[in-house]
């Protein structure tokens, strides 16, 4: 049976992914170009990584994976914190 925190984490992840998908589909041209630029840089990064020794490659790959995990966790935290802040603001405004 799933714990309450696991369920909350799953819901937050689903809502975040849905919001990001919608954002990417509806973003302005300037931001769309930024996504394309990142895609191009990712391909170049892979080519550069292939030239490194296995040890160097692993260090950079581990760095990339771990910084991405941190960013993912921080994004989830900010999403939940934003919801809490919204509820607090609504309470202060007398909505609840």
Protein backbone atom coordinates (compact mmCIF):
# COMPACT_ATOMS: atom_id res chain seq x y z
CA UNK A 1 0.00 0.00 0.00
CA UNK A 2 1.31 3.44 -0.92
CA UNK A 3 2.16 5.91 1.80
CA UNK A 4 0.50 9.33 1.85
CA UNK A 5 3.78 11.04 0.90
CA UNK A 6 4.26 8.69 -2.05
CA UNK A 7 0.77 9.45 -3.33
CA UNK A 8 1.34 13.19 -2.91
CA UNK A 9 4.67 12.95 -4.71
CA UNK A 10 3.06 11.03 -7.58
CA UNK A 11 0.25 13.60 -7.90
CA UNK A 12 2.68 16.53 -7.80
CA UNK A 13 4.89 14.88 -10.43
CA UNK A 14 1.91 14.24 -12.71
CA UNK A 15 0.62 17.79 -12.34
CA UNK A 16 4.08 19.24 -12.93
CA UNK A 17 4.65 17.12 -16.04
CA UNK A 18 1.24 18.07 -17.42
CA UNK A 19 1.88 21.77 -16.79
CA UNK A 20 5.32 21.61 -18.42
CA UNK A 21 3.96 19.77 -21.45
CA UNK A 22 1.26 22.38 -21.87
CA UNK A 23 3.79 25.18 -21.41
CA UNK A 24 6.12 23.75 -24.04
CA UNK A 25 3.24 23.32 -26.48
CA UNK A 26 2.08 26.90 -25.99
CA UNK A 27 5.32 28.79 -25.43
CA UNK A 28 6.30 31.81 -27.47
CA UNK A 29 8.71 31.60 -30.38
CA UNK A 30 11.66 32.92 -28.38
CA UNK A 31 11.30 30.17 -25.81
CA UNK A 32 10.68 27.53 -28.49
CA UNK A 33 14.00 28.57 -30.03
CA UNK A 34 15.64 28.13 -26.64
CA UNK A 35 14.35 24.54 -26.42
CA UNK A 36 15.68 23.88 -29.93
CA UNK A 37 19.05 25.39 -28.99
CA UNK A 38 19.27 23.11 -25.95
CA UNK A 39 18.51 20.12 -28.18
CA UNK A 40 21.34 21.10 -30.53
CA UNK A 41 23.73 21.64 -27.62
CA UNK A 42 22.78 18.25 -26.20
CA UNK A 43 23.85 16.56 -29.44
CA UNK A 44 27.15 18.47 -29.43
CA UNK A 45 27.66 17.57 -25.77
CA UNK A 46 27.26 13.88 -26.59
CA UNK A 47 29.88 14.14 -29.35
CA UNK A 48 32.32 15.84 -26.97
CA UNK A 49 31.68 13.26 -24.26
CA UNK A 50 32.55 10.44 -26.68
CA UNK A 51 36.06 11.89 -26.99
CA UNK A 52 36.76 11.66 -23.27
CA UNK A 53 38.28 8.79 -21.37
CA UNK A 54 35.73 6.51 -19.69
CA UNK A 55 36.62 8.01 -16.30
CA UNK A 56 36.23 11.61 -17.49
CA UNK A 57 33.00 10.71 -19.26
CA UNK A 58 31.61 9.14 -16.11
CA UNK A 59 32.47 12.16 -13.95
CA UNK A 60 30.69 14.55 -16.31
CA UNK A 61 27.75 12.21 -16.81
CA UNK A 62 27.36 11.74 -13.04
CA UNK A 63 27.51 15.52 -12.60
CA UNK A 64 24.82 16.03 -15.24
CA UNK A 65 22.53 13.34 -13.81
CA UNK A 66 22.88 14.59 -10.25
CA UNK A 67 22.35 18.26 -11.09
CA UNK A 68 19.25 17.25 -13.05
CA UNK A 69 17.97 15.27 -10.05
CA UNK A 70 18.53 18.25 -7.78
CA UNK A 71 16.70 20.54 -10.21
CA UNK A 72 13.83 18.03 -10.41
CA UNK A 73 13.53 17.83 -6.61
CA UNK A 74 13.73 21.60 -6.27
CA UNK A 75 11.03 22.03 -8.93
CA UNK A 76 8.72 19.64 -7.07
CA UNK A 77 9.43 21.44 -3.80
CA UNK A 78 8.67 24.83 -5.35
CA UNK A 79 5.45 23.49 -6.86
CA UNK A 80 4.22 22.28 -3.47
CA UNK A 81 5.47 25.43 -1.73
CA UNK A 82 3.62 27.54 -4.30
CA UNK A 83 0.40 25.69 -3.52
CA UNK A 84 0.95 26.24 0.21
CA UNK A 85 1.70 29.92 -0.34
CA UNK A 86 -1.46 30.26 -2.43
CA UNK A 87 -3.58 28.72 0.32
CA UNK A 88 -1.96 31.00 2.91
CA UNK A 89 -2.62 34.04 0.72
CA UNK A 90 -6.25 33.02 0.22
CA UNK A 91 -6.62 32.64 3.99
CA UNK A 92 -5.14 36.09 4.55
CA UNK A 93 -7.59 37.51 2.01
CA UNK A 94 -10.46 35.89 3.89
CA UNK A 95 -11.44 33.48 1.12
CA UNK A 96 -11.34 30.54 3.54
